[in-house]
Amino acid sequence: MYEYKYLRSVEFADADMAGILHFSNYFRFMESAEHAFFRAAELPVLDASQNPTVAWPRVNVQCTYRRALRYQDQVETHVVVGAKGRTSITFHYLMRKVGDAEEAARGMARVTAVSLDLREARMRAIPLPPEVDAKIMVAPPDVLTALKLL
């Protein structure tokens, strides 16, 4: 699996006093879409039963805002896997209002799999779990090119 589309409405609590989706909440929408991507791939986002527990802290995020999303808009977030390394996955997020052909935002997050001992405050990078490596693939070059991600 290398892409997923997720729908969500802009709630009142997501917006500023002008009814525009607050800039920080774009990242919440992206993370919700990423979690839905994992569920669609039948993978846990966090499985504390593993030893070590695998977590997905962000080591790099960015977003380019192109158009305002507003209270009650239906938003489609297109999640695309742009790269995969030994310990990391790079997700791209393309956001738009449903029914609008133009993008509202374009984001990118490099997420790193790390081992996490819940009893200690230290983390260290580990290889992607085999089930994640097997189920999550990088989008083909033609898809990445068509979406202007290359």
C-alpha atoms as a PDB file:
ATOM      1  CA  MET A   1       0.000   0.000   0.000  1.00  0.00           C
ATOM      2  CA  TYR A   2       1.431   3.385  -0.927  1.00  0.00           C
ATOM      3  CA  GLU A   3      -1.508   5.825  -0.839  1.00  0.00           C
ATOM      4  CA  TYR A   4      -4.753   6.489   0.942  1.00  0.00           C
ATOM      5  CA  LYS A   5      -7.447   9.194   0.833  1.00  0.00           C
ATOM      6  CA  TYR A   6      -9.085  10.306   4.063  1.00  0.00           C
ATOM      7  CA  LEU A   7     -12.137  12.541   4.524  1.00  0.00           C
ATOM      8  CA  ARG A   8     -12.748  14.751   7.526  1.00  0.00           C
ATOM      9  CA  SER A   9     -14.807  17.857   8.271  1.00  0.00           C
ATOM     10  CA  VAL A  10     -13.387  21.040   9.734  1.00  0.00           C
ATOM     11  CA  GLU A  11     -15.002  21.272  13.163  1.00  0.00           C
ATOM     12  CA  PHE A  12     -15.624  24.515  15.042  1.00  0.00           C
ATOM     13  CA  ALA A  13     -12.815  23.660  17.495  1.00  0.00           C
ATOM     14  CA  ASP A  14     -10.364  23.289  14.563  1.00  0.00           C
ATOM     15  CA  ALA A  15     -10.933  26.833  13.327  1.00  0.00           C
ATOM     16  CA  ASP A  16      -9.828  30.272  14.458  1.00  0.00           C
ATOM     17  CA  MET A  17     -12.253  33.108  15.210  1.00  0.00           C
ATOM     18  CA  ALA A  18     -12.602  33.826  11.466  1.00  0.00           C
ATOM     19  CA  GLY A  19     -13.749  30.240  10.869  1.00  0.00           C
ATOM     20  CA  ILE A  20     -10.508  29.300   9.070  1.00  0.00           C
ATOM     21  CA  LEU A  21      -8.736  26.043   9.913  1.00  0.00           C
ATOM     22  CA  HIS A  22      -5.942  27.042  12.301  1.00  0.00           C
ATOM     23  CA  PHE A  23      -2.506  26.468  10.740  1.00  0.00           C
ATOM     24  CA  SER A  24      -1.443  24.026  13.463  1.00  0.00           C
ATOM     25  CA  ASN A  25      -4.500  21.856  12.899  1.00  0.00           C
ATOM     26  CA  TYR A  26      -3.436  21.014   9.356  1.00  0.00           C
ATOM     27  CA  PHE A  27      -0.891  18.735  11.026  1.00  0.00           C
ATOM     28  CA  ARG A  28      -3.650  17.127  13.119  1.00  0.00           C
ATOM     29  CA  PHE A  29      -5.578  16.404   9.923  1.00  0.00           C
ATOM     30  CA  MET A  30      -2.430  14.911   8.378  1.00  0.00           C
ATOM     31  CA  GLU A  31      -1.830  12.707  11.410  1.00  0.00           C
ATOM     32  CA  SER A  32      -5.463  11.511  11.409  1.00  0.00           C
ATOM     33  CA  ALA A  33      -5.083  10.600   7.734  1.00  0.00           C
ATOM     34  CA  GLU A  34      -1.829   8.769   8.484  1.00  0.00           C
ATOM     35  CA  HIS A  35      -3.510   6.749  11.245  1.00  0.00           C
ATOM     36  CA  ALA A  36      -6.335   5.841   8.842  1.00  0.00           C
ATOM     37  CA  PHE A  37      -3.662   4.765   6.321  1.00  0.00           C
ATOM     38  CA  PHE A  38      -2.152   2.431   8.955  1.00  0.00           C
ATOM     39  CA  ARG A  39      -5.593   1.021   9.826  1.00  0.00           C
ATOM     40  CA  ALA A  40      -6.347   0.422   6.128  1.00  0.00           C
ATOM     41  CA  ALA A  41      -3.037  -1.470   5.884  1.00  0.00           C
ATOM     42  CA  GLU A  42      -4.091  -3.461   8.985  1.00  0.00           C
ATOM     43  CA  LEU A  43      -1.108  -2.157  10.945  1.00  0.00           C
ATOM     44  CA  PRO A  44      -1.103  -0.739  14.480  1.00  0.00           C
ATOM     45  CA  VAL A  45       0.048   2.831  14.985  1.00  0.00           C
ATOM     46  CA  LEU A  46       1.272   1.870  18.443  1.00  0.00           C
ATOM     47  CA  ASP A  47       1.577  -1.670  19.741  1.00  0.00           C
ATOM     48  CA  ALA A  48       2.719  -1.591  23.361  1.00  0.00           C
ATOM     49  CA  SER A  49       2.671  -5.408  23.454  1.00  0.00           C
ATOM     50  CA  GLN A  50       5.839  -5.463  21.327  1.00  0.00           C
ATOM     51  CA  ASN A  51       9.226  -5.416  22.995  1.00  0.00           C
ATOM     52  CA  PRO A  52      10.586  -2.957  22.144  1.00  0.00           C
ATOM     53  CA  THR A  53       7.495  -0.864  21.535  1.00  0.00           C
ATOM     54  CA  VAL A  54       7.650   0.761  18.101  1.00  0.00           C
ATOM     55  CA  ALA A  55       6.684   4.428  17.995  1.00  0.00           C
ATOM     56  CA  TRP A  56       6.622   6.975  15.157  1.00  0.00           C
ATOM     57  CA  PRO A  57       8.023  10.312  16.341  1.00  0.00           C
ATOM     58  CA  ARG A  58       8.388  13.029  13.723  1.00  0.00           C
ATOM     59  CA  VAL A  59      11.911  14.133  12.944  1.00  0.00           C
ATOM     60  CA  ASN A  60      10.991  16.568  10.162  1.00  0.00           C
ATOM     61  CA  VAL A  61       7.690  18.189   9.188  1.00  0.00           C
ATOM     62  CA  GLN A  62       6.730  20.975   6.834  1.00  0.00           C
ATOM     63  CA  CYS A  63       3.603  22.393   5.275  1.00  0.00           C
ATOM     64  CA  THR A  64       2.928  24.839   2.480  1.00  0.00           C
ATOM     65  CA  TYR A  65      -0.454  26.542   2.841  1.00  0.00           C
ATOM     66  CA  ARG A  66      -2.114  27.422  -0.471  1.00  0.00           C
ATOM     67  CA  ARG A  67      -5.808  28.058   0.252  1.00  0.00           C
ATOM     68  CA  ALA A  68      -7.878  28.455   3.385  1.00  0.00           C
ATOM     69  CA  LEU A  69      -9.989  25.587   4.643  1.00  0.00           C
ATOM     70  CA  ARG A  70     -12.990  26.733   6.634  1.00  0.00           C
ATOM     71  CA  TYR A  71     -15.391  25.580   9.316  1.00  0.00           C
ATOM     72  CA  GLN A  72     -17.693  22.832   7.950  1.00  0.00           C
ATOM     73  CA  ASP A  73     -15.577  22.192   4.829  1.00  0.00           C
ATOM     74  CA  GLN A  74     -15.161  18.543   3.922  1.00  0.00           C
ATOM     75  CA  VAL A  75     -11.419  17.992   3.526  1.00  0.00           C
ATOM     76  CA  GLU A  76      -9.740  15.202   1.578  1.00  0.00           C
ATOM     77  CA  THR A  77      -6.208  14.370   2.711  1.00  0.00           C
ATOM     78  CA  HIS A  78      -4.313  12.249   0.205  1.00  0.00           C
ATOM     79  CA  VAL A  79      -1.502  10.344   1.953  1.00  0.00           C
ATOM     80  CA  VAL A  80       1.325   9.183  -0.320  1.00  0.00           C
ATOM     81  CA  VAL A  81       4.495   7.322   0.662  1.00  0.00           C
ATOM     82  CA  GLY A  82       7.358   9.219  -0.956  1.00  0.00           C
ATOM     83  CA  ALA A  83      10.332   7.333   0.480  1.00  0.00           C
ATOM     84  CA  LYS A  84      11.210   4.507   2.810  1.00  0.00           C
ATOM     85  CA  GLY A  85      14.529   3.962   4.515  1.00  0.00           C
ATOM     86  CA  ARG A  86      15.819   1.347   6.908  1.00  0.00           C
ATOM     87  CA  THR A  87      14.301   3.150   9.919  1.00  0.00           C
ATOM     88  CA  SER A  88      12.018   5.776   8.380  1.00  0.00           C
ATOM     89  CA  ILE A  89       9.049   6.468   6.139  1.00  0.00           C
ATOM     90  CA  THR A  90       8.429   9.790   4.407  1.00  0.00           C
ATOM     91  CA  PHE A  91       4.737  10.584   4.035  1.00  0.00           C
ATOM     92  CA  HIS A  92       3.394  13.350   1.800  1.00  0.00           C
ATOM     93  CA  TYR A  93      -0.025  14.875   2.446  1.00  0.00           C
ATOM     94  CA  LEU A  94      -2.024  16.696  -0.199  1.00  0.00           C
ATOM     95  CA  MET A  95      -5.075  18.452   1.223  1.00  0.00           C
ATOM     96  CA  ARG A  96      -8.031  19.938  -0.612  1.00  0.00           C
ATOM     97  CA  LYS A  97     -11.622  20.905   0.004  1.00  0.00           C
ATOM     98  CA  VAL A  98     -13.941  18.259  -1.435  1.00  0.00           C
ATOM     99  CA  GLY A  99     -15.335  19.550  -4.733  1.00  0.00           C
ATOM    100  CA  ASP A 100     -12.414  21.940  -5.244  1.00  0.00           C
ATOM    101  CA  ALA A 101      -9.729  20.920  -7.734  1.00  0.00           C
ATOM    102  CA  GLU A 102      -7.078  23.209  -6.223  1.00  0.00           C
ATOM    103  CA  GLU A 103      -4.878  22.123  -3.323  1.00  0.00           C
ATOM    104  CA  ALA A 104      -5.340  23.801   0.025  1.00  0.00           C
ATOM    105  CA  ALA A 105      -2.109  22.531   1.557  1.00  0.00           C
ATOM    106  CA  ARG A 106       0.837  20.270   0.860  1.00  0.00           C
ATOM    107  CA  GLY A 107       2.712  18.734   3.749  1.00  0.00           C
ATOM    108  CA  MET A 108       5.555  16.321   4.316  1.00  0.00           C
ATOM    109  CA  ALA A 109       6.637  14.384   7.365  1.00  0.00           C
ATOM    110  CA  ARG A 110       9.584  12.108   7.848  1.00  0.00           C
ATOM    111  CA  VAL A 111       8.524   9.616  10.473  1.00  0.00           C
ATOM    112  CA  THR A 112      11.124   7.422  12.088  1.00  0.00           C
ATOM    113  CA  ALA A 113      10.492   4.052  13.702  1.00  0.00           C
ATOM    114  CA  VAL A 114      12.223   3.934  17.033  1.00  0.00           C
ATOM    115  CA  SER A 115      12.433   1.451  19.829  1.00  0.00           C
ATOM    116  CA  LEU A 116      10.856   2.834  22.938  1.00  0.00           C
ATOM    117  CA  ASP A 117      11.215   1.331  26.388  1.00  0.00           C
ATOM    118  CA  LEU A 118       8.212   2.708  28.226  1.00  0.00           C
ATOM    119  CA  ARG A 119      10.072   2.423  31.541  1.00  0.00           C
ATOM    120  CA  GLU A 120      12.895   4.701  30.384  1.00  0.00           C
ATOM    121  CA  ALA A 121      13.100   8.083  28.685  1.00  0.00           C
ATOM    122  CA  ARG A 122      15.535   6.999  25.977  1.00  0.00           C
ATOM    123  CA  MET A 123      14.775   6.135  22.386  1.00  0.00           C
ATOM    124  CA  ARG A 124      16.902   4.642  19.648  1.00  0.00           C
ATOM    125  CA  ALA A 125      16.212   4.063  15.979  1.00  0.00           C
ATOM    126  CA  ILE A 126      15.530   0.502  14.889  1.00  0.00           C
ATOM    127  CA  PRO A 127      14.740  -1.001  11.488  1.00  0.00           C
ATOM    128  CA  LEU A 128      11.127  -0.843  10.351  1.00  0.00           C
ATOM    129  CA  PRO A 129       9.201  -3.813  11.713  1.00  0.00           C
ATOM    130  CA  PRO A 130       8.966  -6.583   9.068  1.00  0.00           C
ATOM    131  CA  GLU A 131       5.156  -6.322   8.821  1.00  0.00           C
ATOM    132  CA  VAL A 132       5.411  -2.557   8.190  1.00  0.00           C
ATOM    133  CA  ASP A 133       8.204  -3.037   5.662  1.00  0.00           C
ATOM    134  CA  ALA A 134       6.110  -5.659   3.845  1.00  0.00           C
ATOM    135  CA  LYS A 135       2.837  -3.698   3.743  1.00  0.00           C
ATOM    136  CA  ILE A 136       3.961  -0.105   3.163  1.00  0.00           C
ATOM    137  CA  MET A 137       5.617   0.609  -0.171  1.00  0.00           C
ATOM    138  CA  VAL A 138       6.948   3.698  -1.902  1.00  0.00           C
ATOM    139  CA  ALA A 139       4.602   5.072  -4.546  1.00  0.00           C
ATOM    140  CA  PRO A 140       5.705   4.335  -8.124  1.00  0.00           C
ATOM    141  CA  PRO A 141       7.686   7.129  -9.831  1.00  0.00           C
ATOM    142  CA  ASP A 142       4.815   7.914 -12.246  1.00  0.00           C
ATOM    143  CA  VAL A 143       2.456   8.530  -9.292  1.00  0.00           C
ATOM    144  CA  LEU A 144       5.006  10.714  -7.500  1.00  0.00           C
ATOM    145  CA  THR A 145       5.659  12.653 -10.721  1.00  0.00           C
ATOM    146  CA  ALA A 146       1.945  13.142 -11.448  1.00  0.00           C
ATOM    147  CA  LEU A 147       1.439  14.532  -7.924  1.00  0.00           C
ATOM    148  CA  LYS A 148       4.531  16.756  -8.280  1.00  0.00           C
ATOM    149  CA  LEU A 149       6.295  14.998  -5.422  1.00  0.00           C
ATOM    150  CA  LEU A 150       9.484  14.288  -7.382  1.00  0.00           C
END
